[in-house]
Each structure stands twice: as structure tokens, then as C-alpha cells.
């Protein structure tokens, strides 16, 4: 049986059976039984596009991002927006900040992930930059809420996106993990601490599902703690490798110096021997 095009989310409130007798069924019933791209296809596309093994320490993170984002984009209620892009872009930068190899390796990893998810890399970057610029121009949480509520004017398309989402019907918007991360980034930018109490307040103010955002906050904060531990480990490994490299260079220099001194001594002895030879 082909998988349904409507993918449930364990952090979203349960939805009644999708029969034609329900609003949900009337809206999405026609999608029942239709083919939808599978997780395996997305992961396979990534593997083909990246074309090299992912370091073991990053394998879980790559798989988790691919799977959770895939399940979002195939959901019938999901729609692309700039906040989603911002959350995806910035969380990638956070998680893979110490990715080994050349900067090109990390860029190729990002490109492969985005393309495997059938997303537009250029648009994602431009929209993320737009959200960052919008958030940087907001002085406080109160100002942001006023803009979303139409109490203060803003020409930013990001403001329009947030206002539209707040007015969205129950099945017109899907709160994905990247979108939640985008909201958390905006909260940080306007000086709001990431706590459950603050997330609950923002959920109400922006018309977002509180249970979903709170669940994603727990996941995010836990990931940040693990990321800090990983960064410390990478820093220690890097320092140790640099120290070993310096010791190897020092040892090599000492050997070269000793060899040079030995050669010089040999040349000196030869010169003395030549000086003692009688002139014919």
C-alpha cells in the first residue's frame, strides 16, 4: 500500500479520523493512498549527492535532520516560508560548525542535504538573511508582537509571513522543526530567553501550537548541551593535534640541527687533515 501524503507528527495534537465527514477529511481526503516520496528516497538522494562517508560523530545529526525535515515537507499541511528557511540554515551552522575537512566539505554537505530534500539552496539563504535582518531591526518582543498584530507597520515580508501564519486555519499551517528553530532564533535576536514560559507566551501571541514549540524547545536545548560537549571535545583534540605537530616539528628540527653539526664537524676534521699533509 502506498504511504499516505499526510504524515502524523508525535508532537502535534491528535487529529480525528480523516474521513470525508470531518473538516480534515474534506480538505485532504483526496490525498489518501497517493504516492509520496519516502524517507529512504531522501536519504538515498543525499548519499548519492554527497558521495562520501559522513564522519561517525555527525552521522546521527545528518540522519535526524534529513528525516525530520522530510516528514515535514511531505505533510499536506506544510508550506515553505522564510522562518522555516532561517531555522534550517542557522541550525545547520550551529550543528556543523566544527565539521572536519575543508570549508568546501561542509558546503557540499549542506548542498547535498538541501537538494535531497528538494529545497532551493539559493532561496533558503536569501530568505534566512531576510529573517535575520528583520529580527535585528526589532528592538523588543513587544515590538515584534505589535507588528504581527498589525498595531505597528512593517514593510518586511517576514512580518507579513508571521501575520499570515497567525491567522491561518487549523489545517493551513504545519509547525515543523525548522520553523520552530527559526522562531527560537528570532526570540534570541530580540532578547527573549529560551524558556518554556517564554515559548508558551510567544505561542499564544503568534498563534502557534504551544505543545509543539515546547517539545521542540526541549529537543533544541538538549541538542545545544550535546553540541557544547562536542565542541569542547573537538577543541581538546585540535589542541592535542597541534601540540603533537609542534613536537614533531621540533624533533625534526633538532635532528636536522644535529645532522648539520655532525657534517660541520666532519668537514672541520677533513680540513685539519688536509692542512697536515706535506706539500709535494
Protein backbone atom coordinates (compact mmCIF):
# COMPACT_ATOMS: atom_id res chain seq x y z
CA UNK A 1 0.00 0.00 0.00
CA UNK A 2 1.37 3.42 -0.92
CA UNK A 3 2.11 5.66 2.08
CA UNK A 4 -0.34 8.45 2.82
CA UNK A 5 0.56 12.01 1.84
CA UNK A 6 -0.50 13.18 5.31
CA UNK A 7 2.25 12.33 7.81
CA UNK A 8 1.39 12.45 11.54
CA UNK A 9 3.66 14.28 13.94
CA UNK A 10 4.06 12.93 17.50
CA UNK A 11 4.38 16.47 18.86
CA UNK A 12 1.17 17.72 17.20
CA UNK A 13 -2.29 17.25 18.78
CA UNK A 14 -4.05 14.09 17.50
CA UNK A 15 -6.37 14.56 14.54
CA UNK A 16 -9.67 12.73 14.18
CA UNK A 17 -10.04 10.03 11.55
CA UNK A 18 -9.57 11.63 8.13
CA UNK A 19 -12.99 10.77 6.75
CA UNK A 20 -14.98 12.98 4.46
CA UNK A 21 -17.28 13.72 7.42
CA UNK A 22 -14.54 15.76 9.12
CA UNK A 23 -13.07 19.10 8.11
CA UNK A 24 -9.67 17.45 7.85
CA UNK A 25 -11.06 14.70 5.67
CA UNK A 26 -12.88 17.16 3.44
CA UNK A 27 -9.67 19.10 2.99
CA UNK A 28 -7.18 16.27 2.46
CA UNK A 29 -9.24 13.12 1.85
CA UNK A 30 -8.38 13.17 -1.84
CA UNK A 31 -4.72 12.54 -0.92
CA UNK A 32 -5.45 9.22 0.76
CA UNK A 33 -3.49 6.39 -0.84
CA UNK A 34 -1.50 8.63 -3.18
CA UNK A 35 2.22 8.13 -3.57
CA UNK A 36 4.57 10.31 -1.56
CA UNK A 37 8.35 10.45 -1.52
CA UNK A 38 9.75 8.19 1.19
CA UNK A 39 12.41 8.82 3.81
CA UNK A 40 14.56 6.15 2.18
CA UNK A 41 14.43 8.02 -1.13
CA UNK A 42 15.52 11.27 0.51
CA UNK A 43 18.36 9.61 2.42
CA UNK A 44 19.40 7.76 -0.73
CA UNK A 45 19.44 11.01 -2.70
CA UNK A 46 21.65 12.60 -0.05
CA UNK A 47 24.09 9.68 -0.09
CA UNK A 48 24.35 9.88 -3.87
CA UNK A 49 24.79 13.67 -3.94
CA UNK A 50 27.34 13.87 -1.13
CA UNK A 51 29.27 10.90 -2.43
CA UNK A 52 31.47 10.28 0.60
CA UNK A 53 31.10 8.89 4.14
CA UNK A 54 29.84 11.25 6.84
CA UNK A 55 32.14 11.22 9.91
CA UNK A 56 30.65 8.95 12.59
CA UNK A 57 30.23 11.76 15.11
CA UNK A 58 27.94 13.64 12.68
CA UNK A 59 26.04 10.71 11.20
CA UNK A 60 23.17 10.83 13.70
CA UNK A 61 22.73 14.59 13.25
CA UNK A 62 22.62 14.29 9.46
CA UNK A 63 20.07 11.48 9.57
CA UNK A 64 17.89 13.28 12.11
CA UNK A 65 17.79 16.48 10.07
CA UNK A 66 17.03 14.60 6.87
CA UNK A 67 14.27 12.50 8.43
CA UNK A 68 12.50 15.21 10.46
CA UNK A 69 12.64 17.73 7.62
CA UNK A 70 11.48 15.15 5.09
CA UNK A 71 8.47 14.29 7.26
CA UNK A 72 7.62 17.98 7.39
CA UNK A 73 7.85 18.76 3.68
CA UNK A 74 5.69 15.78 2.67
CA UNK A 75 2.95 16.75 5.11
CA UNK A 76 -0.10 18.05 3.27
CA UNK A 77 -0.41 20.97 5.71
CA UNK A 78 3.19 22.11 5.26
CA UNK A 79 4.19 25.12 3.21
CA UNK A 80 7.58 26.70 2.70
CA UNK A 81 8.24 30.06 4.39
CA UNK A 82 11.21 32.23 5.32
CA UNK A 83 11.11 31.31 9.03
CA UNK A 84 11.43 27.63 8.09
CA UNK A 85 14.44 28.52 5.92
CA UNK A 86 16.03 30.55 8.72
CA UNK A 87 15.66 27.72 11.22
CA UNK A 88 17.14 25.19 8.81
CA UNK A 89 20.10 27.35 7.75
CA UNK A 90 21.06 28.55 11.22
CA UNK A 91 20.66 25.18 12.92
CA UNK A 92 22.92 23.64 10.28
CA UNK A 93 25.56 26.30 11.00
CA UNK A 94 25.29 25.55 14.72
CA UNK A 95 25.42 21.77 14.50
CA UNK A 96 28.15 21.52 11.86
CA UNK A 97 30.35 24.40 12.97
CA UNK A 98 33.28 22.05 13.63
CA UNK A 99 32.70 19.73 10.69
CA UNK A 100 36.11 18.25 9.77
CA UNK A 101 37.87 18.89 6.49
CA UNK A 102 37.98 21.93 4.26
CA UNK A 103 35.16 24.53 4.31
CA UNK A 104 34.19 23.12 0.92
CA UNK A 105 33.37 19.79 2.57
CA UNK A 106 30.82 21.43 4.86
CA UNK A 107 29.37 23.43 1.97
CA UNK A 108 29.00 20.23 -0.05
CA UNK A 109 27.30 18.53 2.89
CA UNK A 110 24.77 21.37 3.19
CA UNK A 111 24.14 21.41 -0.55
CA UNK A 112 23.58 17.66 -0.64
CA UNK A 113 21.12 17.81 2.29
CA UNK A 114 19.12 20.69 0.82
CA UNK A 115 18.94 19.15 -2.64
CA UNK A 116 18.00 15.73 -1.24
CA UNK A 117 15.05 17.43 0.46
CA UNK A 118 14.09 19.08 -2.86
CA UNK A 119 14.61 22.55 -1.41
CA UNK A 120 16.16 25.59 -3.14
CA UNK A 121 19.58 26.40 -1.66
CA UNK A 122 19.73 29.96 -3.00
CA UNK A 123 16.22 30.85 -1.86
CA UNK A 124 16.84 29.34 1.56
CA UNK A 125 19.93 31.52 2.03
CA UNK A 126 18.21 34.69 0.83
CA UNK A 127 15.14 34.11 3.00
CA UNK A 128 17.25 33.29 6.06
CA UNK A 129 19.18 36.53 5.59
CA UNK A 130 15.87 38.41 5.31
CA UNK A 131 14.65 36.95 8.61
CA UNK A 132 17.95 37.82 10.31
CA UNK A 133 17.75 41.40 9.03
CA UNK A 134 14.12 41.68 10.15
CA UNK A 135 14.89 40.38 13.64
CA UNK A 136 17.93 42.65 14.02
CA UNK A 137 15.70 45.64 13.34
CA UNK A 138 13.28 44.74 16.15
CA UNK A 139 14.01 46.42 19.47
CA UNK A 140 11.95 44.12 21.69
CA UNK A 141 9.49 41.28 21.92
CA UNK A 142 6.68 43.76 22.41
CA UNK A 143 7.55 45.50 19.13
CA UNK A 144 7.53 42.19 17.25
CA UNK A 145 4.12 41.23 18.65
CA UNK A 146 2.76 44.65 17.74
CA UNK A 147 3.96 44.20 14.15
CA UNK A 148 2.42 40.72 13.87
CA UNK A 149 -0.88 42.05 15.25
CA UNK A 150 -0.89 44.93 12.76
CA UNK A 151 -0.51 47.53 15.50
CA UNK A 152 2.77 48.72 14.01
CA UNK A 153 3.67 48.91 10.35
CA UNK A 154 6.47 46.92 8.77
CA UNK A 155 7.38 46.54 5.12
CA UNK A 156 9.24 43.28 5.74
CA UNK A 157 7.79 40.20 4.03
CA UNK A 158 8.81 38.28 7.15
CA UNK A 159 6.31 40.31 9.19
CA UNK A 160 3.66 39.51 6.60
CA UNK A 161 4.52 35.81 6.82
CA UNK A 162 4.16 35.76 10.60
CA UNK A 163 0.88 37.69 10.43
CA UNK A 164 -0.49 35.24 7.83
CA UNK A 165 0.51 32.23 9.92
CA UNK A 166 -1.21 33.70 12.97
CA UNK A 167 -4.46 33.97 11.01
CA UNK A 168 -4.10 30.52 9.43
CA UNK A 169 -6.86 27.98 9.85
CA UNK A 170 -6.33 24.71 11.76
CA UNK A 171 -5.12 22.84 8.66
CA UNK A 172 -3.48 25.72 6.80
CA UNK A 173 -0.16 25.59 8.62
CA UNK A 174 2.22 22.89 9.85
CA UNK A 175 4.70 23.81 12.58
CA UNK A 176 7.81 21.91 11.51
CA UNK A 177 11.06 21.59 13.46
CA UNK A 178 12.95 24.04 11.20
CA UNK A 179 10.12 26.56 11.62
CA UNK A 180 10.27 26.18 15.42
CA UNK A 181 14.05 26.67 15.30
CA UNK A 182 13.50 29.79 13.21
CA UNK A 183 11.18 31.15 15.90
CA UNK A 184 13.79 30.39 18.58
CA UNK A 185 16.40 32.29 16.56
CA UNK A 186 14.08 35.28 16.33
CA UNK A 187 13.45 35.09 20.07
CA UNK A 188 17.19 35.20 20.70
CA UNK A 189 17.64 38.10 18.31
CA UNK A 190 15.07 40.29 20.10
CA UNK A 191 16.48 39.45 23.53
CA UNK A 192 13.97 36.85 24.74
CA UNK A 193 15.43 33.98 26.75
CA UNK A 194 14.57 30.48 25.56
CA UNK A 195 12.44 29.15 28.43
CA UNK A 196 9.20 27.16 28.39
CA UNK A 197 7.34 30.09 29.91
CA UNK A 198 8.53 32.46 27.18
CA UNK A 199 7.82 29.92 24.45
CA UNK A 200 4.27 29.50 25.78
CA UNK A 201 3.79 33.27 25.67
CA UNK A 202 5.10 33.51 22.11
CA UNK A 203 2.91 30.60 21.06
CA UNK A 204 -0.18 32.46 22.19
CA UNK A 205 0.95 35.77 20.73
CA UNK A 206 1.84 34.27 17.32
CA UNK A 207 -1.00 31.76 17.15
CA UNK A 208 1.35 28.75 17.18
CA UNK A 209 0.78 25.32 18.80
CA UNK A 210 2.30 25.60 22.26
CA UNK A 211 2.72 21.86 22.81
CA UNK A 212 4.69 21.60 19.56
CA UNK A 213 7.01 24.55 20.30
CA UNK A 214 7.62 23.40 23.86
CA UNK A 215 8.53 19.93 22.65
CA UNK A 216 10.89 21.34 20.05
CA UNK A 217 12.43 23.63 22.69
CA UNK A 218 13.29 20.61 24.84
CA UNK A 219 14.89 18.87 21.86
CA UNK A 220 16.80 22.02 20.89
CA UNK A 221 18.16 22.78 24.36
CA UNK A 222 19.26 19.16 24.78
CA UNK A 223 20.99 19.31 21.39
CA UNK A 224 22.76 22.54 22.37
CA UNK A 225 24.13 20.92 25.51
CA UNK A 226 25.45 17.97 23.50
CA UNK A 227 26.87 20.42 20.96
CA UNK A 228 28.79 22.26 23.68
CA UNK A 229 30.29 18.99 24.87
CA UNK A 230 31.22 18.07 21.30
CA UNK A 231 32.79 21.48 20.68
CA UNK A 232 34.87 21.11 23.85
CA UNK A 233 35.99 17.66 22.71
CA UNK A 234 36.89 18.97 19.26
CA UNK A 235 38.81 21.87 20.79
CA UNK A 236 40.76 19.48 23.03
CA UNK A 237 41.51 17.14 20.12
CA UNK A 238 42.57 20.07 17.94
CA UNK A 239 44.85 21.45 20.66
CA UNK A 240 46.35 17.99 21.22
CA UNK A 241 46.97 17.51 17.49
CA UNK A 242 48.55 20.95 17.21
CA UNK A 243 50.77 20.18 20.20
CA UNK A 244 51.83 16.86 18.68
CA UNK A 245 52.53 18.52 15.34
CA UNK A 246 54.63 21.17 17.07
CA UNK A 247 56.55 18.47 18.96
CA UNK A 248 57.17 16.57 15.72
CA UNK A 249 58.44 19.72 14.03
CA UNK A 250 60.68 20.48 17.00
CA UNK A 251 62.10 16.95 16.97
CA UNK A 252 62.65 17.16 13.22
CA UNK A 253 64.42 20.49 13.64
CA UNK A 254 66.65 19.04 16.39
CA UNK A 255 67.62 16.10 14.19
CA UNK A 256 68.35 18.41 11.27
CA UNK A 257 70.46 20.63 13.55
CA UNK A 258 72.36 17.62 14.91
CA UNK A 259 72.98 16.31 11.40
CA UNK A 260 74.22 19.74 10.28
CA UNK A 261 76.55 19.97 13.28
CA UNK A 262 77.89 16.48 12.59
CA UNK A 263 78.50 17.36 8.95
CA UNK A 264 80.26 20.54 10.01
CA UNK A 265 82.47 18.62 12.44
CA UNK A 266 83.32 16.14 9.68
CA UNK A 267 84.24 18.92 7.31
CA UNK A 268 86.39 20.54 10.03
CA UNK A 269 88.29 17.33 10.70
CA UNK A 270 88.85 16.84 6.97
CA UNK A 271 90.16 20.37 6.67
CA UNK A 272 92.61 19.78 9.56
CA UNK A 273 93.83 16.55 7.96
CA UNK A 274 94.38 18.34 4.64
CA UNK A 275 96.36 21.05 6.44
CA UNK A 276 98.72 18.48 7.95
CA UNK A 277 99.52 16.84 4.64
CA UNK A 278 103.06 17.83 3.45
CA UNK A 279 103.19 19.90 0.29
CA UNK A 280 104.83 17.95 -2.56
